[in-house]
Amino acid sequence: MATLVRSISQNGGVICTAIDSTDIAAKAEQIHKTSATVTAALGRLLTAASLMGVMLKNEEHSITLRLQGDGPAGLLIAVTDGLGNVRGDVENPVVEIPLNGLGKLDVAGAVGRNGSLSVVKDLGLKDPYIGQVPIVSGEIAEDITHYYAVSEQTPTVCALGVLVNPDLTVKAAGGFLAQLLPGAAEEDIDRLEQNIGKLSSVTKLLTDGVSAEDICRMVLEGF
């Protein structure tokens, strides 16, 4: 079962949402029989959707993320409700490509570096809200950050990660969203950047036994 935590800084300037989504990514791998790189890509998108879902004001509202790049994985979709319950799909579940230059799974290579990220919010109104931005990296976290900056004008830092075992099962998955709230001071931005800059990768934190709650605490340290 995934663990999701939302925290707000003591000064009210920053909100952090973090999740250990290992079970979510593992279930997706079992259902879709994904290759390692696609497991990482779909797991990241599912994690992002769940983090975004709990920001909705009504648990019956929903968010749909559609990531359409020019890579071999094709279209990736994740749908979440207001409680962060999420499901997803991928057009091509098996993509075999080399590791990237850092020796890691090449998520951007599978997704593609050209295309679009669409965010559809069903808020119970006559028409859904639809925001769309170009893919900026294909690594997904940067694309989510870009979406918030462009479509919602909300300064946001997103971190996502999925660690896949040699037998293709999921060892760890998770992520966080940190957002500056209206009225945040300039020093809040500096402190947030410093805190996040000190963090290891999300999957390293999780495999070291750091909880989602601890991740929020580390992101908001000193506020």
C-alpha atoms as a PDB file:
ATOM      1  CA  MET A   1       0.000   0.000   0.000  1.00  0.00           C
ATOM      2  CA  ALA A   2       1.368   3.408  -0.960  1.00  0.00           C
ATOM      3  CA  THR A   3       2.144   5.952   1.741  1.00  0.00           C
ATOM      4  CA  LEU A   4       1.407   9.587   0.921  1.00  0.00           C
ATOM      5  CA  VAL A   5       2.070  12.576   3.181  1.00  0.00           C
ATOM      6  CA  ARG A   6       1.252  16.283   2.818  1.00  0.00           C
ATOM      7  CA  SER A   7       3.035  18.881   4.942  1.00  0.00           C
ATOM      8  CA  ILE A   8       3.072  22.662   5.078  1.00  0.00           C
ATOM      9  CA  SER A   9       5.963  24.715   6.371  1.00  0.00           C
ATOM     10  CA  GLN A  10       5.590  26.404   9.736  1.00  0.00           C
ATOM     11  CA  ASN A  11       5.633  29.823   8.081  1.00  0.00           C
ATOM     12  CA  GLY A  12       2.952  28.783   5.592  1.00  0.00           C
ATOM     13  CA  GLY A  13       5.119  29.509   2.561  1.00  0.00           C
ATOM     14  CA  VAL A  14       5.785  26.036   1.195  1.00  0.00           C
ATOM     15  CA  ILE A  15       3.768  22.848   0.867  1.00  0.00           C
ATOM     16  CA  CYS A  16       5.346  19.457   0.294  1.00  0.00           C
ATOM     17  CA  THR A  17       3.620  16.261  -0.795  1.00  0.00           C
ATOM     18  CA  ALA A  18       5.636  13.035  -0.791  1.00  0.00           C
ATOM     19  CA  ILE A  19       4.806   9.433  -1.593  1.00  0.00           C
ATOM     20  CA  ASP A  20       6.317   5.982  -1.353  1.00  0.00           C
ATOM     21  CA  SER A  21       4.688   4.530  -4.458  1.00  0.00           C
ATOM     22  CA  THR A  22       6.624   1.262  -4.581  1.00  0.00           C
ATOM     23  CA  ASP A  23       3.436  -0.819  -4.441  1.00  0.00           C
ATOM     24  CA  ILE A  24       1.799   1.273  -7.184  1.00  0.00           C
ATOM     25  CA  ALA A  25       4.718   0.850  -9.580  1.00  0.00           C
ATOM     26  CA  ALA A  26       5.037  -2.841  -8.709  1.00  0.00           C
ATOM     27  CA  LYS A  27       1.361  -3.449  -9.449  1.00  0.00           C
ATOM     28  CA  ALA A  28       1.658  -1.634 -12.779  1.00  0.00           C
ATOM     29  CA  GLU A  29       4.624  -3.830 -13.742  1.00  0.00           C
ATOM     30  CA  GLN A  30       2.659  -6.963 -12.858  1.00  0.00           C
ATOM     31  CA  ILE A  31      -0.421  -5.888 -14.830  1.00  0.00           C
ATOM     32  CA  HIS A  32       1.258  -4.539 -17.947  1.00  0.00           C
ATOM     33  CA  LYS A  33       4.327  -6.847 -18.028  1.00  0.00           C
ATOM     34  CA  THR A  34       6.527  -3.851 -18.748  1.00  0.00           C
ATOM     35  CA  SER A  35      10.208  -3.887 -19.562  1.00  0.00           C
ATOM     36  CA  ALA A  36      12.490  -2.188 -17.045  1.00  0.00           C
ATOM     37  CA  THR A  37      12.627   1.200 -18.763  1.00  0.00           C
ATOM     38  CA  VAL A  38       8.868   1.339 -19.309  1.00  0.00           C
ATOM     39  CA  THR A  39       8.306   0.296 -15.689  1.00  0.00           C
ATOM     40  CA  ALA A  40      10.375   3.315 -14.665  1.00  0.00           C
ATOM     41  CA  ALA A  41       8.518   5.647 -17.032  1.00  0.00           C
ATOM     42  CA  LEU A  42       5.004   4.480 -16.172  1.00  0.00           C
ATOM     43  CA  GLY A  43       5.884   4.304 -12.475  1.00  0.00           C
ATOM     44  CA  ARG A  44       7.065   7.915 -12.527  1.00  0.00           C
ATOM     45  CA  LEU A  45       3.899   9.099 -14.283  1.00  0.00           C
ATOM     46  CA  LEU A  46       1.655   7.184 -11.859  1.00  0.00           C
ATOM     47  CA  THR A  47       3.585   8.644  -8.937  1.00  0.00           C
ATOM     48  CA  ALA A  48       3.212  12.178 -10.289  1.00  0.00           C
ATOM     49  CA  ALA A  49      -0.506  11.702 -10.879  1.00  0.00           C
ATOM     50  CA  SER A  50      -1.073  10.459  -7.338  1.00  0.00           C
ATOM     51  CA  LEU A  51       0.830  13.438  -5.901  1.00  0.00           C
ATOM     52  CA  MET A  52      -1.252  15.825  -8.009  1.00  0.00           C
ATOM     53  CA  GLY A  53      -4.521  14.078  -7.199  1.00  0.00           C
ATOM     54  CA  VAL A  54      -4.402  14.724  -3.481  1.00  0.00           C
ATOM     55  CA  MET A  55      -4.224  18.448  -4.215  1.00  0.00           C
ATOM     56  CA  LEU A  56      -7.773  18.333  -5.567  1.00  0.00           C
ATOM     57  CA  LYS A  57     -10.398  19.751  -3.234  1.00  0.00           C
ATOM     58  CA  ASN A  58     -12.895  16.929  -3.799  1.00  0.00           C
ATOM     59  CA  GLU A  59     -12.024  13.250  -3.669  1.00  0.00           C
ATOM     60  CA  GLU A  60     -14.441  12.568  -6.536  1.00  0.00           C
ATOM     61  CA  HIS A  61     -12.622  14.950  -8.870  1.00  0.00           C
ATOM     62  CA  SER A  62      -9.944  13.510 -11.130  1.00  0.00           C
ATOM     63  CA  ILE A  63      -6.768  14.290 -13.032  1.00  0.00           C
ATOM     64  CA  THR A  64      -5.631  12.564 -16.207  1.00  0.00           C
ATOM     65  CA  LEU A  65      -2.015  12.850 -17.343  1.00  0.00           C
ATOM     66  CA  ARG A  66      -1.310  12.057 -21.002  1.00  0.00           C
ATOM     67  CA  LEU A  67       2.346  11.920 -21.977  1.00  0.00           C
ATOM     68  CA  GLN A  68       2.735  11.643 -25.735  1.00  0.00           C
ATOM     69  CA  GLY A  69       6.346  11.664 -26.818  1.00  0.00           C
ATOM     70  CA  ASP A  70       8.109  10.548 -29.966  1.00  0.00           C
ATOM     71  CA  GLY A  71       9.857   7.656 -28.224  1.00  0.00           C
ATOM     72  CA  PRO A  72       9.161   3.927 -28.638  1.00  0.00           C
ATOM     73  CA  ALA A  73       6.984   3.674 -25.505  1.00  0.00           C
ATOM     74  CA  GLY A  74       4.257   5.681 -27.233  1.00  0.00           C
ATOM     75  CA  LEU A  75       1.403   7.172 -25.231  1.00  0.00           C
ATOM     76  CA  LEU A  76       1.489   6.908 -21.420  1.00  0.00           C
ATOM     77  CA  ILE A  77      -1.618   7.687 -19.369  1.00  0.00           C
ATOM     78  CA  ALA A  78      -2.234   7.989 -15.630  1.00  0.00           C
ATOM     79  CA  VAL A  79      -5.592   8.770 -14.006  1.00  0.00           C
ATOM     80  CA  THR A  80      -6.069   9.659 -10.341  1.00  0.00           C
ATOM     81  CA  ASP A  81      -8.902  10.669  -8.064  1.00  0.00           C
ATOM     82  CA  GLY A  82      -8.754  13.182  -5.235  1.00  0.00           C
ATOM     83  CA  LEU A  83      -7.456  10.563  -2.822  1.00  0.00           C
ATOM     84  CA  GLY A  84      -4.464   9.716  -4.978  1.00  0.00           C
ATOM     85  CA  ASN A  85      -5.872   6.366  -6.129  1.00  0.00           C
ATOM     86  CA  VAL A  86      -4.252   5.937  -9.513  1.00  0.00           C
ATOM     87  CA  ARG A  87      -4.260   3.683 -12.539  1.00  0.00           C
ATOM     88  CA  GLY A  88      -2.443   3.898 -15.831  1.00  0.00           C
ATOM     89  CA  ASP A  89      -1.630   2.434 -19.201  1.00  0.00           C
ATOM     90  CA  VAL A  90       1.125   2.506 -21.790  1.00  0.00           C
ATOM     91  CA  GLU A  91       0.903   1.998 -25.531  1.00  0.00           C
ATOM     92  CA  ASN A  92       4.035  -0.143 -25.866  1.00  0.00           C
ATOM     93  CA  PRO A  93       4.865  -1.927 -22.589  1.00  0.00           C
ATOM     94  CA  VAL A  94       8.076  -3.545 -23.815  1.00  0.00           C
ATOM     95  CA  VAL A  95      10.850  -1.239 -24.998  1.00  0.00           C
ATOM     96  CA  GLU A  96      14.439  -2.454 -25.039  1.00  0.00           C
ATOM     97  CA  ILE A  97      16.932   0.391 -25.316  1.00  0.00           C
ATOM     98  CA  PRO A  98      20.459   0.873 -23.915  1.00  0.00           C
ATOM     99  CA  LEU A  99      21.132   2.577 -20.602  1.00  0.00           C
ATOM    100  CA  ASN A 100      21.675   6.318 -20.764  1.00  0.00           C
ATOM    101  CA  GLY A 101      25.016   8.080 -20.440  1.00  0.00           C
ATOM    102  CA  LEU A 102      24.816   7.875 -16.642  1.00  0.00           C
ATOM    103  CA  GLY A 103      24.331   4.122 -16.713  1.00  0.00           C
ATOM    104  CA  LYS A 104      20.682   4.397 -15.710  1.00  0.00           C
ATOM    105  CA  LEU A 105      17.421   3.372 -17.347  1.00  0.00           C
ATOM    106  CA  ASP A 106      16.831   5.733 -20.260  1.00  0.00           C
ATOM    107  CA  VAL A 107      13.330   6.969 -19.460  1.00  0.00           C
ATOM    108  CA  ALA A 108      13.689   9.982 -21.736  1.00  0.00           C
ATOM    109  CA  GLY A 109      14.781   7.692 -24.554  1.00  0.00           C
ATOM    110  CA  ALA A 110      11.664   5.554 -24.105  1.00  0.00           C
ATOM    111  CA  VAL A 111       9.290   8.504 -23.756  1.00  0.00           C
ATOM    112  CA  GLY A 112      10.949  10.764 -26.303  1.00  0.00           C
ATOM    113  CA  ARG A 113      12.174  14.310 -25.964  1.00  0.00           C
ATOM    114  CA  ASN A 114       9.601  15.815 -28.310  1.00  0.00           C
ATOM    115  CA  GLY A 115       5.868  15.776 -27.754  1.00  0.00           C
ATOM    116  CA  SER A 116       3.429  17.001 -25.145  1.00  0.00           C
ATOM    117  CA  LEU A 117       2.228  16.542 -21.590  1.00  0.00           C
ATOM    118  CA  SER A 118      -1.505  17.104 -21.195  1.00  0.00           C
ATOM    119  CA  VAL A 119      -3.199  17.545 -17.826  1.00  0.00           C
ATOM    120  CA  VAL A 120      -6.977  17.146 -17.776  1.00  0.00           C
ATOM    121  CA  LYS A 121      -8.730  18.095 -14.537  1.00  0.00           C
ATOM    122  CA  ASP A 122     -12.349  17.019 -14.091  1.00  0.00           C
ATOM    123  CA  LEU A 123     -13.579  19.274 -11.299  1.00  0.00           C
ATOM    124  CA  GLY A 124     -17.256  18.439 -11.661  1.00  0.00           C
ATOM    125  CA  LEU A 125     -17.909  21.439 -13.902  1.00  0.00           C
ATOM    126  CA  LYS A 126     -19.478  21.478 -17.359  1.00  0.00           C
ATOM    127  CA  ASP A 127     -16.104  21.274 -19.066  1.00  0.00           C
ATOM    128  CA  PRO A 128     -12.806  19.915 -17.755  1.00  0.00           C
ATOM    129  CA  TYR A 129      -9.734  22.091 -17.364  1.00  0.00           C
ATOM    130  CA  ILE A 130      -7.104  21.126 -19.935  1.00  0.00           C
ATOM    131  CA  GLY A 131      -3.501  22.284 -19.782  1.00  0.00           C
ATOM    132  CA  GLN A 132      -0.856  21.207 -22.268  1.00  0.00           C
ATOM    133  CA  VAL A 133       2.863  21.893 -22.403  1.00  0.00           C
ATOM    134  CA  PRO A 134       5.682  20.643 -24.606  1.00  0.00           C
ATOM    135  CA  ILE A 135       7.884  17.890 -23.245  1.00  0.00           C
ATOM    136  CA  VAL A 136      11.070  19.514 -21.979  1.00  0.00           C
ATOM    137  CA  SER A 137      13.141  16.451 -21.103  1.00  0.00           C
ATOM    138  CA  GLY A 138      11.084  13.264 -21.229  1.00  0.00           C
ATOM    139  CA  GLU A 139      12.309  12.418 -17.727  1.00  0.00           C
ATOM    140  CA  ILE A 140       8.782  13.263 -16.476  1.00  0.00           C
ATOM    141  CA  ALA A 141       9.662  15.106 -13.236  1.00  0.00           C
ATOM    142  CA  GLU A 142      11.032  18.069 -15.176  1.00  0.00           C
ATOM    143  CA  ASP A 143       7.982  17.961 -17.422  1.00  0.00           C
ATOM    144  CA  ILE A 144       5.634  18.134 -14.424  1.00  0.00           C
ATOM    145  CA  THR A 145       7.646  21.051 -13.021  1.00  0.00           C
ATOM    146  CA  HIS A 146       7.380  22.813 -16.384  1.00  0.00           C
ATOM    147  CA  TYR A 147       3.618  22.231 -16.496  1.00  0.00           C
ATOM    148  CA  TYR A 148       3.098  23.934 -13.138  1.00  0.00           C
ATOM    149  CA  ALA A 149       5.296  26.869 -14.116  1.00  0.00           C
ATOM    150  CA  VAL A 150       3.589  27.473 -17.458  1.00  0.00           C
ATOM    151  CA  SER A 151      -0.026  26.385 -16.981  1.00  0.00           C
ATOM    152  CA  GLU A 152      -0.629  27.143 -13.307  1.00  0.00           C
ATOM    153  CA  GLN A 153       2.064  29.774 -12.664  1.00  0.00           C
ATOM    154  CA  THR A 154       3.004  27.905  -9.497  1.00  0.00           C
ATOM    155  CA  PRO A 155       6.723  27.598  -8.646  1.00  0.00           C
ATOM    156  CA  THR A 156       7.151  23.861  -8.165  1.00  0.00           C
ATOM    157  CA  VAL A 157       9.899  21.305  -7.744  1.00  0.00           C
ATOM    158  CA  CYS A 158       9.048  17.722  -8.676  1.00  0.00           C
ATOM    159  CA  ALA A 159      11.254  14.699  -8.035  1.00  0.00           C
ATOM    160  CA  LEU A 160      10.328  11.181  -9.143  1.00  0.00           C
ATOM    161  CA  GLY A 161      12.125   7.868  -9.175  1.00  0.00           C
ATOM    162  CA  VAL A 162      11.628   4.161  -9.820  1.00  0.00           C
ATOM    163  CA  LEU A 163      14.323   1.586  -9.066  1.00  0.00           C
ATOM    164  CA  VAL A 164      13.931  -1.707 -10.930  1.00  0.00           C
ATOM    165  CA  ASN A 165      15.515  -4.988  -9.836  1.00  0.00           C
ATOM    166  CA  PRO A 166      17.429  -7.212 -12.305  1.00  0.00           C
ATOM    167  CA  ASP A 167      14.410  -9.579 -12.355  1.00  0.00           C
ATOM    168  CA  LEU A 168      12.248  -6.610 -13.513  1.00  0.00           C
ATOM    169  CA  THR A 169      10.366  -6.280 -10.221  1.00  0.00           C
ATOM    170  CA  VAL A 170      10.220  -2.874  -8.546  1.00  0.00           C
ATOM    171  CA  LYS A 171      12.607  -2.316  -5.654  1.00  0.00           C
ATOM    172  CA  ALA A 172      11.526   1.238  -4.812  1.00  0.00           C
ATOM    173  CA  ALA A 173       9.432   4.058  -6.249  1.00  0.00           C
ATOM    174  CA  GLY A 174       8.369   7.431  -4.987  1.00  0.00           C
ATOM    175  CA  GLY A 175       8.501  11.156  -5.380  1.00  0.00           C
ATOM    176  CA  PHE A 176       7.639  14.548  -4.009  1.00  0.00           C
ATOM    177  CA  LEU A 177       6.139  17.856  -5.088  1.00  0.00           C
ATOM    178  CA  ALA A 178       7.243  21.019  -3.301  1.00  0.00           C
ATOM    179  CA  GLN A 179       5.337  24.199  -4.109  1.00  0.00           C
ATOM    180  CA  LEU A 180       5.695  27.817  -3.077  1.00  0.00           C
ATOM    181  CA  LEU A 181       2.415  29.280  -1.895  1.00  0.00           C
ATOM    182  CA  PRO A 182       1.274  32.840  -2.677  1.00  0.00           C
ATOM    183  CA  GLY A 183       3.167  35.320  -0.545  1.00  0.00           C
ATOM    184  CA  ALA A 184       6.253  33.159  -0.105  1.00  0.00           C
ATOM    185  CA  ALA A 185       9.353  35.235   0.602  1.00  0.00           C
ATOM    186  CA  GLU A 186      12.521  35.279  -1.494  1.00  0.00           C
ATOM    187  CA  GLU A 187      14.408  33.573   1.307  1.00  0.00           C
ATOM    188  CA  ASP A 188      11.870  30.730   1.153  1.00  0.00           C
ATOM    189  CA  ILE A 189      12.910  30.072  -2.435  1.00  0.00           C
ATOM    190  CA  ASP A 190      16.598  30.045  -1.512  1.00  0.00           C
ATOM    191  CA  ARG A 191      16.081  27.749   1.462  1.00  0.00           C
ATOM    192  CA  LEU A 192      13.929  25.346  -0.547  1.00  0.00           C
ATOM    193  CA  GLU A 193      16.557  25.134  -3.287  1.00  0.00           C
ATOM    194  CA  GLN A 194      19.266  24.489  -0.695  1.00  0.00           C
ATOM    195  CA  ASN A 195      17.255  21.759   1.025  1.00  0.00           C
ATOM    196  CA  ILE A 196      16.404  19.963  -2.202  1.00  0.00           C
ATOM    197  CA  GLY A 197      19.962  20.323  -3.448  1.00  0.00           C
ATOM    198  CA  LYS A 198      21.185  18.342  -0.437  1.00  0.00           C
ATOM    199  CA  LEU A 199      18.836  15.408  -1.015  1.00  0.00           C
ATOM    200  CA  SER A 200      19.844  12.099  -2.521  1.00  0.00           C
ATOM    201  CA  SER A 201      17.628  10.651  -5.237  1.00  0.00           C
ATOM    202  CA  VAL A 202      14.156   9.624  -4.111  1.00  0.00           C
ATOM    203  CA  THR A 203      14.864   5.935  -4.643  1.00  0.00           C
ATOM    204  CA  LYS A 204      18.144   6.171  -2.702  1.00  0.00           C
ATOM    205  CA  LEU A 205      16.269   7.781   0.185  1.00  0.00           C
ATOM    206  CA  LEU A 206      13.578   5.093   0.138  1.00  0.00           C
ATOM    207  CA  THR A 207      16.020   2.189  -0.055  1.00  0.00           C
ATOM    208  CA  ASP A 208      17.905   3.753   2.862  1.00  0.00           C
ATOM    209  CA  GLY A 209      14.707   3.538   4.903  1.00  0.00           C
ATOM    210  CA  VAL A 210      13.658   7.188   4.685  1.00  0.00           C
ATOM    211  CA  SER A 211       9.860   7.507   4.817  1.00  0.00           C
ATOM    212  CA  ALA A 212       7.617   9.839   2.832  1.00  0.00           C
ATOM    213  CA  GLU A 213       7.080  11.819   6.025  1.00  0.00           C
ATOM    214  CA  ASP A 214      10.840  12.112   6.506  1.00  0.00           C
ATOM    215  CA  ILE A 215      11.244  13.352   2.929  1.00  0.00           C
ATOM    216  CA  CYS A 216       8.753  16.152   3.593  1.00  0.00           C
ATOM    217  CA  ARG A 217      10.595  16.998   6.788  1.00  0.00           C
ATOM    218  CA  MET A 218      13.900  17.221   4.913  1.00  0.00           C
ATOM    219  CA  VAL A 219      12.417  19.378   2.146  1.00  0.00           C
ATOM    220  CA  LEU A 220      10.904  21.762   4.704  1.00  0.00           C
ATOM    221  CA  GLU A 221      13.892  21.844   7.065  1.00  0.00           C
ATOM    222  CA  GLY A 222      14.492  25.291   8.518  1.00  0.00           C
ATOM    223  CA  PHE A 223      11.129  26.780   7.605  1.00  0.00           C
END
